[in-house]
Every structure is written in structure tokens, then in C-alpha cells.
């Protein structure tokens, strides 16, 4: 595979170490260096602070937490050797394996010497959680771990952060204490902020932790060799090498990773097409790309129509009902591309609960039910016109203004949206056009309420129906959804004793959301991981958006 490097990057990567790393073993697919063009740049590689997509992408390859999440939503042990949960769900005891190592290559020879390598301990996890709750950290992740003992008091300022319910009993024994049972707690231990932090190294960085390549220490599959960023330059990259200290426990196949920083998605796409990047994430995938590359497909998005609740006309609930009943989803069959399918529920098809597909347990037609009479919310032209007339009477109007449907660029082929807007035009007599805008502008306009109707892509932060539902919590979304009944159900979900009861509560929550008619589900949408020919096993987490290269292989 052709590699095109900038002159600066080439100078860095042309060392003897890198040349050795580029050797390919055809039998195993190991010992290959992978390149990835990511859009944007990491802000901080401090797991307890980082919150932007690029930072999380890099961190995912540098650190190992107690647990990891499989693609089916089940958990597997990582730094943890084993764990137990008390019968009341309030105490979690973890035993750490002894062969998970911190490594910092101080002499830059990639070899693991005794003074560069030492075990990850329970104290590292305790310190990480204290950092999350230390007000000086300004961590955006405290709410995620609100179930921990004393977290509520720490957040409201009535308790000291050192009292958080996380305790290292020894180097290999770690205890979490909770204020109340939480079915989602173990999932939360797979998240980036739950990665360990070595206290001694943290203070040695003197306030620079996670901000440069000298202030990051790895306990995962790779370590940072060089991180170069100049906001005025074009040769920005993060270069990582295999962490041999952690190779014995679970084989690390690549020898190196190079993450190039690109300004736009178009730049990343061009880099992939030119052979400069081994993988591309995209919502769209042509037949040609499918023929020439290895493709993984993830149906993890629900695309809905949202109405601006502050819009005096389209925000009217009767008008929103008219729009919902005026979409003939059954007519989509044979009319839309394979990356789309009709949606009646909030939670997308690939979402799992306890290893099972949520939508198989709770088909989406069960979610799309009118609560007051149990009828299905589906295409009904007579009812749609009736709701439309009710709305017009309430507003004392004869007609609605023609508007444009706001859509983020690169999300979908907008031709398929005409299946929706033409039905509305036929039923209600108004014209709705399409306005595609860059993703950043789209979300800013949603935030600023500068739209009437918009096409909104919804996904979770992790593989769980709970994560989807939490997007609708009051003050947790930028499209104005707020419902006290839903907020109460979310509190009940958080305290569910098992995944099955949480899934049933999620179905109740879906019904409440759909009955508000503020987010009208229309399509389930696929996302594509496009790996250039020869590349395999680059793991993609479609929720965190992390590409994980530990198992990545290349075959000639």
C-alpha cells in the first residue's frame, strides 16, 4: 500500500525503529504500520478531562480500563482479572491482573526496561476517580458517575471529593461503593474517564498532563512517540508505537499508528482515496467503494424530524402530529437505498441489551403507539389533515410558510427526503425544500433555534438502549425536548436491578418520547467503516467513534 508522508512526518518516521516496524508477516497480518486521517485535532489526552472526538480516538489506543465493551454490548475483562457485585447492588469488588503495565519509553529505543515499566494498580483507578470529582480538574464527566457513594454531595459542594466511594484496598483490590443500585454502572467503567491515572507521574508533569507527548504515559496497546500540532501548519500528527510491555497478555498486531490531522472531512476522504489513510468512516458508501475495500456496516443511528418548539407555527403540537401521520413509511419499500430503513421507534436496530438486539426484544411498532387510545402512530392521511386543520384553527391561519428542511451534510442522500416532503405537500399544500449545511453549522443552528424543521441524526454514547433514552432527558439535548414523566422513568432506569427490566422501562420511555411528536422517527441509518483492501480487524466503536487498532492486520 502506498504511503504518502509529509516531509516533516517522513523525517520522524524514517527511523530504524519505524523501518523495522513496517515489515509485514503475511501469515498473521502483524507488524504493519497503520495510517489514519482524522478530522480535527486532539485537545487533551487526559482521560478524566478529554471530551472531544479526536482526543477520545487517540486515548482509546493508549489506555486500558477495568472493562471493555464487545460489539454486542456485553462486557469483557480488561485490566480486571475478576469482579463481584454485592446482593444489594451497592458494592463492586474488583481484582486487577498483575500483568497490565504502565510504560513510558524514556530512552526512546522501544525496548521495555525495568525502570520504564511498572504495574497498573488499584491506586491508579482510585486516583483517577478522585480527579474526576476534584473541582480543580473541571471534569465534564462527574454526572456519569453520580451513583457513586457521596457523589451527590461532592457535586453540590457539601462533601469533599476525597470521600468518593472508590477505594484501593491493596495494589490489586479495588472497591466501588454506590449510593443506589445502577444497572448502567459496569457499562460506565468502559468509558474513557474511567481509565487509570498514575498519581506520581501526574504530578511530575507539573500541570501538563495529557497536553504533550512528554506528559502522557500509556497502559494500553500503544504509547506516544511524537505528537506534533501547529494550528497554522499542515503537517500535524500523533505517532504511536506498540507498547511491548502489554503485548504478552493480548497480542498487539501493528507496530505503529500514525494519526494525521485533517481540517475537513473532504480532506480525510481525499487522503483515503490517495492511499494516505487506511480507513475511512462514512455515512455514504458507493458500490465502487464496496467492491474495492473491506466494509463493516453499523446501523446505530435513528434519523428523525425535529420541530423547533419555539417556532410559532411548526412548533405547534397539532402541526407536529399532522407531520407524523403524514409520512407514508410503508411506501419507502423499494424506494430507498440499503443504508436506510423505515423507523417507527427511537432506538436503532444494532443496539443491544445483555447481548441481545433490543429491537428483537421490543419491535419498534410497540414503541409507536398513541398512549391515550393504544392506536399505532403511522400513516393516516385523514387523521393527518384533521390535525393540520386543528393547528391552523388554533393559530388562526389559512396556510403555513414554505420552509427548508435543515440537514447536516454527508448524512444521507437527500433525494430520499422528498418521499417525506412530497407527501406533506400533497396533504397540506405547503412546500418544504432541503437545505444542507456543514455539520458544525447544523448543530449551532439547532442550538440557536435558527430552524423550523430539521433532520436530526440520533445515536447513543455507548451500546445500550439506555444511552439513547438519556438523549431526551431535560437539559440534556439541544432540540428542546423536556418531559417530567420521562425524567422520572430515567431515574427508575438508573436503579433497575437488571438489563431486562431496564429494557422494558426503555420501551415505556420510547412511547413517551414519540407521543410528544417533537422527534418523529423516519429512518434507521447505517454508518460504514471502509478499510482499504488488505486491512482487517480495525475495531470501530460506533458510539464513542473510536477506531481501535490493537487487533488490526494487513495482508498483501
Protein backbone atom coordinates (compact mmCIF):
# COMPACT_ATOMS: atom_id res chain seq x y z
CA UNK A 1 0.00 0.00 0.00
CA UNK A 2 1.37 3.36 -0.98
CA UNK A 3 2.17 5.71 1.89
CA UNK A 4 2.47 9.43 1.17
CA UNK A 5 4.04 11.32 4.05
CA UNK A 6 4.71 14.99 4.59
CA UNK A 7 8.40 15.86 4.61
CA UNK A 8 8.34 16.62 8.31
CA UNK A 9 6.47 13.48 9.24
CA UNK A 10 8.63 11.37 6.93
CA UNK A 11 11.74 12.58 8.71
CA UNK A 12 10.30 11.46 12.03
CA UNK A 13 9.02 8.12 10.83
CA UNK A 14 12.06 7.08 8.82
CA UNK A 15 13.99 5.95 11.87
CA UNK A 16 15.38 2.44 12.06
CA UNK A 17 12.66 1.56 14.54
CA UNK A 18 9.95 2.54 12.10
CA UNK A 19 11.57 0.71 9.21
CA UNK A 20 11.67 -2.44 11.28
CA UNK A 21 8.04 -1.88 12.25
CA UNK A 22 6.95 -1.75 8.61
CA UNK A 23 7.92 -5.34 7.93
CA UNK A 24 4.84 -7.42 7.16
CA UNK A 25 4.29 -11.00 8.22
CA UNK A 26 1.86 -12.39 5.67
CA UNK A 27 0.87 -15.36 7.81
CA UNK A 28 -0.51 -13.35 10.73
CA UNK A 29 -1.11 -9.88 9.30
CA UNK A 30 1.07 -8.47 12.08
CA UNK A 31 3.89 -5.92 12.17
CA UNK A 32 2.34 -3.31 9.93
CA UNK A 33 2.13 0.44 10.47
CA UNK A 34 -1.33 1.93 10.02
CA UNK A 35 -2.22 5.47 8.97
CA UNK A 36 -5.47 7.24 9.72
CA UNK A 37 -6.59 10.70 8.61
CA UNK A 38 -8.81 12.10 11.36
CA UNK A 39 -10.78 15.31 11.10
CA UNK A 40 -9.65 17.83 13.71
CA UNK A 41 -7.02 17.53 16.41
CA UNK A 42 -6.82 16.22 19.98
CA UNK A 43 -7.32 18.91 22.61
CA UNK A 44 -6.16 16.86 25.60
CA UNK A 45 -5.13 13.24 26.14
CA UNK A 46 -6.12 13.42 29.81
CA UNK A 47 -8.86 10.74 30.08
CA UNK A 48 -10.50 12.39 33.08
CA UNK A 49 -10.86 15.66 31.19
CA UNK A 50 -10.99 14.92 27.45
CA UNK A 51 -14.37 15.16 25.77
CA UNK A 52 -13.74 15.85 22.07
CA UNK A 53 -13.89 13.18 19.38
CA UNK A 54 -10.23 13.36 18.28
CA UNK A 55 -8.90 13.13 21.83
CA UNK A 56 -11.09 10.10 22.52
CA UNK A 57 -9.88 8.41 19.32
CA UNK A 58 -6.26 8.64 20.42
CA UNK A 59 -6.96 7.82 24.09
CA UNK A 60 -8.76 4.62 23.07
CA UNK A 61 -5.45 3.27 21.74
CA UNK A 62 -3.33 4.43 24.69
CA UNK A 63 -5.21 3.22 27.75
CA UNK A 64 -6.82 0.09 29.17
CA UNK A 65 -9.61 0.30 31.74
CA UNK A 66 -11.07 -2.30 34.06
CA UNK A 67 -13.60 -3.47 31.47
CA UNK A 68 -14.19 -3.21 27.73
CA UNK A 69 -17.39 -3.49 25.71
CA UNK A 70 -17.85 -6.01 22.91
CA UNK A 71 -19.70 -5.09 19.73
CA UNK A 72 -22.80 -6.89 21.02
CA UNK A 73 -22.95 -4.70 24.13
CA UNK A 74 -21.61 -7.39 26.50
CA UNK A 75 -18.67 -6.71 28.78
CA UNK A 76 -15.25 -8.33 28.88
CA UNK A 77 -12.49 -8.02 31.44
CA UNK A 78 -9.52 -5.85 30.56
CA UNK A 79 -7.29 -4.65 33.42
CA UNK A 80 -9.66 -6.51 35.74
CA UNK A 81 -9.00 -10.19 36.35
CA UNK A 82 -12.35 -10.68 38.05
CA UNK A 83 -15.10 -8.83 39.91
CA UNK A 84 -18.09 -9.45 42.16
CA UNK A 85 -21.24 -7.47 42.91
CA UNK A 86 -22.98 -7.50 46.30
CA UNK A 87 -26.53 -8.83 46.52
CA UNK A 88 -27.90 -5.33 47.13
CA UNK A 89 -26.01 -3.94 44.07
CA UNK A 90 -24.17 -1.34 46.15
CA UNK A 91 -20.64 -2.76 46.34
CA UNK A 92 -18.41 -3.81 43.43
CA UNK A 93 -15.16 -5.62 44.25
CA UNK A 94 -12.54 -5.79 41.50
CA UNK A 95 -9.38 -7.85 41.41
CA UNK A 96 -6.77 -6.48 38.99
CA UNK A 97 -4.48 -8.66 36.91
CA UNK A 98 -0.79 -8.13 37.64
CA UNK A 99 0.38 -8.01 34.01
CA UNK A 100 -1.13 -4.70 32.93
CA UNK A 101 1.74 -2.23 32.74
CA UNK A 102 2.41 1.45 32.53
CA UNK A 103 5.15 2.22 30.03
CA UNK A 104 6.97 5.39 29.02
CA UNK A 105 9.86 4.94 26.59
CA UNK A 106 12.29 7.38 28.19
CA UNK A 107 15.36 6.20 26.26
CA UNK A 108 13.34 6.03 23.00
CA UNK A 109 14.54 2.57 21.99
CA UNK A 110 11.09 0.90 22.13
CA UNK A 111 12.57 -1.78 24.37
CA UNK A 112 10.97 -2.37 27.76
CA UNK A 113 13.43 -1.88 30.62
CA UNK A 114 12.63 -2.27 34.32
CA UNK A 115 12.82 1.45 35.03
CA UNK A 116 10.33 2.26 32.22
CA UNK A 117 7.67 -0.28 33.10
CA UNK A 118 5.59 -0.90 36.25
CA UNK A 119 2.24 -2.46 37.11
CA UNK A 120 -1.07 -0.65 36.98
CA UNK A 121 -2.57 -0.78 40.46
CA UNK A 122 -5.91 -0.21 42.15
CA UNK A 123 -4.48 3.06 43.48
CA UNK A 124 -4.28 4.35 39.89
CA UNK A 125 -8.02 3.85 39.47
CA UNK A 126 -8.82 5.38 42.85
CA UNK A 127 -6.75 8.45 41.94
CA UNK A 128 -8.47 8.71 38.54
CA UNK A 129 -11.94 8.84 40.13
CA UNK A 130 -10.81 11.35 42.74
CA UNK A 131 -9.57 13.50 39.87
CA UNK A 132 -13.00 13.29 38.19
CA UNK A 133 -14.62 14.68 41.32
CA UNK A 134 -11.86 17.13 42.26
CA UNK A 135 -13.28 20.58 41.38
CA UNK A 136 -9.83 21.67 40.21
CA UNK A 137 -9.94 19.10 37.38
CA UNK A 138 -13.11 20.67 35.93
CA UNK A 139 -14.02 17.24 34.60
CA UNK A 140 -17.14 17.15 32.41
CA UNK A 141 -17.73 13.53 33.47
CA UNK A 142 -18.89 13.81 37.10
CA UNK A 143 -22.58 13.32 36.24
CA UNK A 144 -21.75 9.99 34.57
CA UNK A 145 -20.72 8.57 37.95
CA UNK A 146 -23.39 10.23 40.07
CA UNK A 147 -24.42 6.84 41.52
CA UNK A 148 -21.10 6.54 43.42
CA UNK A 149 -21.26 6.99 47.18
CA UNK A 150 -21.05 10.68 48.18
CA UNK A 151 -21.04 11.83 44.53
CA UNK A 152 -24.21 13.88 45.02
CA UNK A 153 -22.75 15.75 47.97
CA UNK A 154 -19.45 16.36 46.18
CA UNK A 155 -21.24 17.74 43.13
CA UNK A 156 -23.39 20.12 45.18
CA UNK A 157 -20.42 21.18 47.29
CA UNK A 158 -21.41 19.66 50.63
CA UNK A 159 -18.79 16.87 50.65
CA UNK A 160 -15.07 16.62 49.98
CA UNK A 161 -14.06 14.92 46.73
CA UNK A 162 -11.75 12.57 48.64
CA UNK A 163 -14.84 10.89 50.11
CA UNK A 164 -15.96 9.50 46.74
CA UNK A 165 -16.84 5.80 47.03
CA UNK A 166 -13.76 4.35 45.30
CA UNK A 167 -11.15 2.64 47.47
CA UNK A 168 -7.93 0.72 46.76
CA UNK A 169 -7.61 -1.96 49.43
CA UNK A 170 -4.27 -3.11 48.00
CA UNK A 171 -2.38 -2.91 44.72
CA UNK A 172 -4.76 -5.44 43.17
CA UNK A 173 -8.03 -4.90 45.08
CA UNK A 174 -10.41 -2.08 44.20
CA UNK A 175 -13.85 -1.39 45.70
CA UNK A 176 -16.62 0.83 44.38
CA UNK A 177 -19.43 1.82 46.76
CA UNK A 178 -22.70 3.18 45.35
CA UNK A 179 -25.43 5.26 46.94
CA UNK A 180 -28.04 3.34 44.96
CA UNK A 181 -28.02 0.34 42.60
CA UNK A 182 -27.34 1.24 38.97
CA UNK A 183 -27.83 -1.18 36.10
CA UNK A 184 -25.55 1.01 33.96
CA UNK A 185 -22.59 1.26 36.34
CA UNK A 186 -20.50 -1.55 34.86
CA UNK A 187 -21.02 -0.07 31.38
CA UNK A 188 -19.71 3.25 32.66
CA UNK A 189 -16.43 1.61 33.65
CA UNK A 190 -15.67 1.09 29.94
CA UNK A 191 -15.81 4.84 29.30
CA UNK A 192 -12.72 6.98 28.77
CA UNK A 193 -12.85 8.86 32.12
CA UNK A 194 -12.69 5.51 33.97
CA UNK A 195 -9.16 4.89 32.66
CA UNK A 196 -6.43 4.82 35.36
CA UNK A 197 -4.14 7.72 36.24
CA UNK A 198 -0.79 7.24 37.97
CA UNK A 199 -0.53 9.83 40.73
CA UNK A 200 3.27 10.09 40.78
CA UNK A 201 3.51 10.61 37.01
CA UNK A 202 0.58 13.04 37.06
CA UNK A 203 2.33 15.39 39.50
CA UNK A 204 5.66 15.04 37.69
CA UNK A 205 4.07 16.60 34.59
CA UNK A 206 3.57 19.84 36.59
CA UNK A 207 0.20 20.75 35.11
CA UNK A 208 0.97 19.47 31.60
CA UNK A 209 -0.71 16.07 32.00
CA UNK A 210 -2.19 14.98 28.68
CA UNK A 211 -1.10 18.14 26.84
CA UNK A 212 2.08 17.00 25.06
CA UNK A 213 3.90 13.80 24.16
CA UNK A 214 6.14 14.03 27.23
CA UNK A 215 3.14 14.20 29.56
CA UNK A 216 1.31 11.03 28.53
CA UNK A 217 2.04 7.59 29.92
CA UNK A 218 0.37 4.54 28.36
CA UNK A 219 -1.07 1.42 29.96
CA UNK A 220 -2.73 0.22 26.73
CA UNK A 221 -1.79 -1.19 23.35
CA UNK A 222 0.30 1.77 22.13
CA UNK A 223 2.39 4.60 23.55
CA UNK A 224 3.01 8.04 22.09
CA UNK A 225 6.30 8.56 20.33
CA UNK A 226 5.53 12.04 18.99
CA UNK A 227 2.61 14.45 18.99
CA UNK A 228 3.04 17.46 16.75
CA UNK A 229 0.46 20.19 16.33
CA UNK A 230 0.81 23.66 14.84
CA UNK A 231 -2.54 25.34 14.28
CA UNK A 232 -1.04 27.25 11.35
CA UNK A 233 0.63 24.20 9.79
CA UNK A 234 -0.49 21.25 7.68
CA UNK A 235 1.86 18.54 8.96
CA UNK A 236 0.11 17.72 12.23
CA UNK A 237 0.08 14.16 13.55
CA UNK A 238 0.12 11.83 16.54
CA UNK A 239 2.58 8.96 16.09
CA UNK A 240 2.20 5.91 18.35
CA UNK A 241 4.21 2.72 18.67
CA UNK A 242 3.39 -0.72 20.00
CA UNK A 243 3.52 -0.97 23.80
CA UNK A 244 5.60 -4.14 24.13
CA UNK A 245 5.06 -4.12 27.89
CA UNK A 246 1.45 -5.12 27.26
CA UNK A 247 1.97 -7.48 24.33
CA UNK A 248 2.19 -10.77 26.24
CA UNK A 249 -1.31 -10.61 27.72
CA UNK A 250 -3.08 -9.83 24.45
CA UNK A 251 -1.17 -9.63 21.16
CA UNK A 252 -0.77 -6.16 19.68
CA UNK A 253 -0.60 -6.74 15.93
CA UNK A 254 0.52 -3.37 14.48
CA UNK A 255 3.93 -1.95 15.24
CA UNK A 256 2.86 1.67 14.84
CA UNK A 257 -0.02 4.07 14.25
CA UNK A 258 0.11 7.47 12.64
CA UNK A 259 -2.94 9.68 13.06
CA UNK A 260 -2.83 12.59 10.61
CA UNK A 261 -4.89 15.66 11.44
CA UNK A 262 -7.08 16.99 8.62
CA UNK A 263 -9.17 20.16 8.60
CA UNK A 264 -12.27 18.78 6.86
CA UNK A 265 -14.00 15.52 6.08
CA UNK A 266 -13.26 16.14 2.40
CA UNK A 267 -9.53 16.22 3.24
CA UNK A 268 -9.82 12.89 5.08
CA UNK A 269 -11.74 11.38 2.17
CA UNK A 270 -9.08 12.53 -0.28
CA UNK A 271 -6.34 11.07 1.93
CA UNK A 272 -8.13 7.71 1.87
CA UNK A 273 -8.61 7.81 -1.89
CA UNK A 274 -4.91 8.63 -2.35
CA UNK A 275 -3.77 5.74 -0.14
CA UNK A 276 -2.59 8.00 2.69
CA UNK A 277 -5.18 6.66 5.14
CA UNK A 278 -6.02 3.00 5.79
CA UNK A 279 -9.59 3.58 6.94
CA UNK A 280 -12.44 6.00 6.34
CA UNK A 281 -15.65 6.43 8.33
CA UNK A 282 -18.63 7.49 6.22
CA UNK A 283 -22.42 7.61 6.18
CA UNK A 284 -22.31 7.00 2.43
CA UNK A 285 -20.64 4.14 0.57
CA UNK A 286 -20.79 3.72 -3.20
CA UNK A 287 -20.85 0.37 -4.98
CA UNK A 288 -17.32 1.09 -6.21
CA UNK A 289 -16.04 1.56 -2.67
CA UNK A 290 -17.70 -1.69 -1.62
CA UNK A 291 -16.06 -3.57 -4.47
CA UNK A 292 -12.57 -2.24 -3.79
CA UNK A 293 -12.43 -2.23 0.03
CA UNK A 294 -13.32 -4.17 3.15
CA UNK A 295 -16.54 -2.79 4.60
CA UNK A 296 -18.13 -3.05 8.05
CA UNK A 297 -21.66 -1.71 8.47
CA UNK A 298 -23.21 -0.39 11.70
CA UNK A 299 -26.91 0.52 11.92
CA UNK A 300 -26.63 2.66 15.00
CA UNK A 301 -28.46 5.87 14.03
CA UNK A 302 -32.10 6.85 14.07
CA UNK A 303 -32.89 9.81 11.83
CA UNK A 304 -35.85 11.85 12.93
CA UNK A 305 -37.63 15.05 12.00
CA UNK A 306 -37.41 17.57 14.82
CA UNK A 307 -39.55 20.67 15.09
CA UNK A 308 -38.28 23.82 16.74
CA UNK A 309 -40.55 24.10 19.81
CA UNK A 310 -40.04 27.87 19.78
CA UNK A 311 -41.29 28.21 16.20
CA UNK A 312 -44.76 29.72 16.47
CA UNK A 313 -46.11 27.67 13.55
CA UNK A 314 -44.21 24.43 13.05
CA UNK A 315 -43.73 24.12 16.81
CA UNK A 316 -47.49 23.76 17.27
CA UNK A 317 -48.21 20.25 18.58
CA UNK A 318 -51.19 19.69 16.27
CA UNK A 319 -48.97 20.55 13.30
CA UNK A 320 -46.31 18.15 14.59
CA UNK A 321 -48.92 15.41 14.83
CA UNK A 322 -50.02 16.18 11.27
CA UNK A 323 -46.42 15.79 10.06
CA UNK A 324 -46.06 12.43 11.86
CA UNK A 325 -49.28 10.96 10.48
CA UNK A 326 -48.47 12.37 7.04
CA UNK A 327 -45.35 10.20 6.42
CA UNK A 328 -46.06 7.02 4.44
CA UNK A 329 -43.16 4.88 5.65
CA UNK A 330 -44.51 1.70 4.10
CA UNK A 331 -44.11 3.37 0.70
CA UNK A 332 -40.34 3.56 1.35
CA UNK A 333 -40.00 -0.11 0.40
CA UNK A 334 -38.02 -0.38 -2.83
CA UNK A 335 -37.57 3.40 -2.94
CA UNK A 336 -34.65 3.95 -0.56
CA UNK A 337 -31.00 2.82 -0.54
CA UNK A 338 -29.72 -0.07 1.56
CA UNK A 339 -28.18 2.25 4.15
CA UNK A 340 -31.69 3.36 5.16
CA UNK A 341 -34.73 1.54 6.52
CA UNK A 342 -38.05 2.79 7.85
CA UNK A 343 -38.11 3.66 11.55
CA UNK A 344 -41.02 3.66 13.97
CA UNK A 345 -39.00 3.65 17.21
CA UNK A 346 -36.33 5.76 18.84
CA UNK A 347 -33.69 3.06 19.40
CA UNK A 348 -31.75 1.84 16.34
CA UNK A 349 -31.54 -1.85 15.23
CA UNK A 350 -27.92 -2.56 16.22
CA UNK A 351 -28.41 -1.53 19.85
CA UNK A 352 -28.02 -4.41 22.29
CA UNK A 353 -29.06 -5.18 25.83
CA UNK A 354 -27.43 -8.03 27.71
CA UNK A 355 -26.09 -9.43 24.43
CA UNK A 356 -29.45 -9.36 22.60
CA UNK A 357 -30.67 -6.92 19.97
CA UNK A 358 -33.08 -4.57 21.73
CA UNK A 359 -35.31 -4.24 18.68
CA UNK A 360 -35.83 -8.00 18.56
CA UNK A 361 -37.00 -7.93 22.18
CA UNK A 362 -39.10 -4.80 21.63
CA UNK A 363 -40.14 -4.37 17.96
CA UNK A 364 -40.40 -0.71 17.04
CA UNK A 365 -44.13 -0.84 16.29
CA UNK A 366 -44.58 -1.43 20.05
CA UNK A 367 -42.94 1.92 20.70
CA UNK A 368 -45.01 3.83 18.16
CA UNK A 369 -48.35 3.70 19.98
CA UNK A 370 -50.61 6.59 20.94
CA UNK A 371 -50.79 6.42 24.72
CA UNK A 372 -54.40 7.56 25.21
CA UNK A 373 -56.07 5.00 22.92
CA UNK A 374 -53.24 2.49 22.10
CA UNK A 375 -53.58 3.04 18.33
CA UNK A 376 -50.49 2.93 16.12
CA UNK A 377 -48.83 6.17 15.10
CA UNK A 378 -48.47 5.52 11.38
CA UNK A 379 -49.52 6.93 8.02
CA UNK A 380 -53.12 8.11 8.19
CA UNK A 381 -53.88 10.87 5.66
CA UNK A 382 -57.34 11.65 7.06
CA UNK A 383 -56.04 11.99 10.61
CA UNK A 384 -53.03 13.98 9.37
CA UNK A 385 -55.30 16.53 7.65
CA UNK A 386 -57.53 16.66 10.74
CA UNK A 387 -54.58 17.52 12.99
CA UNK A 388 -53.36 20.05 10.42
CA UNK A 389 -56.77 21.79 10.39
CA UNK A 390 -56.83 21.79 14.20
CA UNK A 391 -53.45 23.50 14.27
CA UNK A 392 -54.46 26.10 11.71
CA UNK A 393 -57.57 26.94 13.74
CA UNK A 394 -55.54 27.24 16.94
CA UNK A 395 -53.19 29.71 15.22
CA UNK A 396 -55.94 31.42 13.20
CA UNK A 397 -54.01 30.82 9.96
CA UNK A 398 -55.01 29.87 6.44
CA UNK A 399 -51.66 28.39 5.40
CA UNK A 400 -48.11 27.76 6.57
CA UNK A 401 -44.99 29.40 5.21
CA UNK A 402 -42.83 27.46 2.77
CA UNK A 403 -39.60 26.48 4.55
CA UNK A 404 -36.45 24.43 4.09
CA UNK A 405 -35.67 21.26 5.99
CA UNK A 406 -32.29 21.68 7.68
CA UNK A 407 -29.96 18.70 7.06
CA UNK A 408 -26.29 18.10 8.06
CA UNK A 409 -24.00 17.49 5.08
CA UNK A 410 -22.69 13.96 4.39
CA UNK A 411 -25.50 12.36 6.42
CA UNK A 412 -27.58 10.85 3.63
CA UNK A 413 -28.72 11.15 0.04
CA UNK A 414 -31.28 13.94 0.45
CA UNK A 415 -33.26 12.72 -2.55
CA UNK A 416 -34.92 10.23 -0.20
CA UNK A 417 -36.23 13.07 1.95
CA UNK A 418 -38.50 14.04 -0.95
CA UNK A 419 -40.50 10.89 -0.16
CA UNK A 420 -41.42 12.71 3.06
CA UNK A 421 -41.77 16.30 1.89
CA UNK A 422 -43.80 15.44 -1.23
CA UNK A 423 -46.33 13.58 0.92
CA UNK A 424 -46.66 16.68 3.12
CA UNK A 425 -47.03 18.91 0.09
CA UNK A 426 -49.83 16.70 -1.27
CA UNK A 427 -51.70 16.60 2.05
CA UNK A 428 -51.17 20.13 3.35
CA UNK A 429 -50.38 22.25 0.33
CA UNK A 430 -47.14 23.83 1.55
CA UNK A 431 -43.68 23.36 0.03
CA UNK A 432 -40.67 22.22 2.07
CA UNK A 433 -37.27 22.37 0.42
CA UNK A 434 -33.92 20.93 1.56
CA UNK A 435 -31.01 22.93 3.00
CA UNK A 436 -27.76 21.04 3.56
CA UNK A 437 -25.19 22.73 5.79
CA UNK A 438 -21.83 21.66 7.30
CA UNK A 439 -22.14 19.61 10.48
CA UNK A 440 -20.78 22.34 12.78
CA UNK A 441 -23.19 24.89 11.36
CA UNK A 442 -26.08 22.43 11.64
CA UNK A 443 -25.64 21.88 15.38
CA UNK A 444 -25.02 25.56 16.02
CA UNK A 445 -28.27 26.45 14.30
CA UNK A 446 -30.11 23.81 16.31
CA UNK A 447 -28.59 25.29 19.47
CA UNK A 448 -29.55 28.82 18.40
CA UNK A 449 -33.06 27.69 17.35
CA UNK A 450 -32.48 29.01 13.82
CA UNK A 451 -34.66 26.44 12.05
CA UNK A 452 -38.28 25.37 11.70
CA UNK A 453 -37.81 21.66 10.90
CA UNK A 454 -34.58 19.67 10.78
CA UNK A 455 -33.37 16.16 10.02
CA UNK A 456 -31.65 15.04 13.21
CA UNK A 457 -29.31 12.01 13.50
CA UNK A 458 -29.61 10.36 16.91
CA UNK A 459 -27.22 7.80 18.39
CA UNK A 460 -26.08 6.71 21.83
CA UNK A 461 -22.79 7.29 23.63
CA UNK A 462 -22.40 3.55 24.14
CA UNK A 463 -24.13 0.35 23.06
CA UNK A 464 -27.22 0.40 25.26
CA UNK A 465 -30.86 1.48 24.80
CA UNK A 466 -30.45 3.49 28.00
CA UNK A 467 -27.91 5.73 26.26
CA UNK A 468 -30.43 6.57 23.51
CA UNK A 469 -33.16 7.43 26.00
CA UNK A 470 -30.82 9.64 28.04
CA UNK A 471 -30.50 11.91 25.00
CA UNK A 472 -34.05 13.07 25.74
CA UNK A 473 -33.52 13.95 29.39
CA UNK A 474 -34.46 17.55 30.19
CA UNK A 475 -31.48 19.88 29.67
CA UNK A 476 -29.57 17.01 28.02
CA UNK A 477 -30.43 17.78 24.41
CA UNK A 478 -30.16 20.79 22.13
CA UNK A 479 -33.54 20.43 20.43
CA UNK A 480 -35.74 21.45 23.35
CA UNK A 481 -37.19 18.12 24.47
CA UNK A 482 -38.36 18.12 28.07
CA UNK A 483 -40.84 15.82 29.78
CA UNK A 484 -41.07 15.32 33.60
CA UNK A 485 -42.56 11.83 33.18
CA UNK A 486 -39.60 10.77 31.04
CA UNK A 487 -37.16 12.23 33.58
CA UNK A 488 -38.79 10.10 36.29
CA UNK A 489 -38.51 6.98 34.15
CA UNK A 490 -34.83 7.71 33.59
CA UNK A 491 -34.35 7.78 37.36
CA UNK A 492 -36.12 4.42 37.58
CA UNK A 493 -33.97 3.01 34.75
CA UNK A 494 -30.82 4.06 36.56
CA UNK A 495 -31.90 1.97 39.55
CA UNK A 496 -33.15 -1.10 37.65
CA UNK A 497 -31.73 -4.34 39.10
CA UNK A 498 -31.06 -5.96 35.71
CA UNK A 499 -30.86 -5.32 31.97
CA UNK A 500 -34.25 -6.92 31.23
CA UNK A 501 -36.19 -4.57 33.49
CA UNK A 502 -34.19 -1.60 32.16
CA UNK A 503 -35.09 -2.60 28.58
CA UNK A 504 -38.79 -2.70 29.48
CA UNK A 505 -38.53 0.77 31.01
CA UNK A 506 -36.79 1.96 27.83
CA UNK A 507 -39.82 0.84 25.81
CA UNK A 508 -42.06 2.92 28.09
CA UNK A 509 -39.70 5.84 27.57
CA UNK A 510 -39.80 5.46 23.77
CA UNK A 511 -43.59 5.75 23.85
CA UNK A 512 -43.45 8.94 25.89
CA UNK A 513 -40.92 10.48 23.50
CA UNK A 514 -42.85 9.54 20.37
CA UNK A 515 -46.12 10.83 21.84
CA UNK A 516 -44.58 14.29 22.20
CA UNK A 517 -44.16 14.44 18.37
CA UNK A 518 -41.06 16.59 18.82
CA UNK A 519 -38.74 13.91 17.42
CA UNK A 520 -40.52 11.98 14.66
CA UNK A 521 -38.54 8.83 13.74
CA UNK A 522 -38.29 8.36 9.97
CA UNK A 523 -35.22 6.26 9.05
CA UNK A 524 -32.74 3.95 10.66
CA UNK A 525 -29.35 4.82 9.18
CA UNK A 526 -26.19 2.79 8.62
CA UNK A 527 -22.64 4.04 9.06
CA UNK A 528 -19.72 2.49 7.18
CA UNK A 529 -16.21 1.61 8.23
CA UNK A 530 -14.29 1.48 4.95
CA UNK A 531 -10.94 -0.30 5.25
CA UNK A 532 -8.69 -0.24 2.22
CA UNK A 533 -8.02 -3.58 0.57
CA UNK A 534 -5.77 -5.81 2.69
CA UNK A 535 -6.70 -4.21 6.01
CA UNK A 536 -8.73 -6.18 8.54
CA UNK A 537 -9.89 -6.11 12.17
CA UNK A 538 -9.68 -2.38 12.79
CA UNK A 539 -12.28 -2.26 15.52
CA UNK A 540 -14.71 0.62 15.38
CA UNK A 541 -16.93 1.68 18.25
CA UNK A 542 -19.84 3.43 16.51
CA UNK A 543 -20.91 5.10 19.74
CA UNK A 544 -17.67 6.58 21.08
CA UNK A 545 -16.41 6.93 17.45
CA UNK A 546 -13.12 5.36 18.47
CA UNK A 547 -11.07 3.34 15.98
CA UNK A 548 -9.09 0.74 17.94
CA UNK A 549 -6.07 -0.80 16.24
CA UNK A 550 -4.83 -3.44 18.70
CA UNK A 551 -6.05 -6.34 16.54
CA UNK A 552 -5.59 -4.56 13.17
CA UNK A 553 -3.98 -6.71 10.47
CA UNK A 554 -2.72 -6.23 6.94
CA UNK A 555 -2.48 -8.98 4.33
CA UNK A 556 -0.81 -8.48 0.93
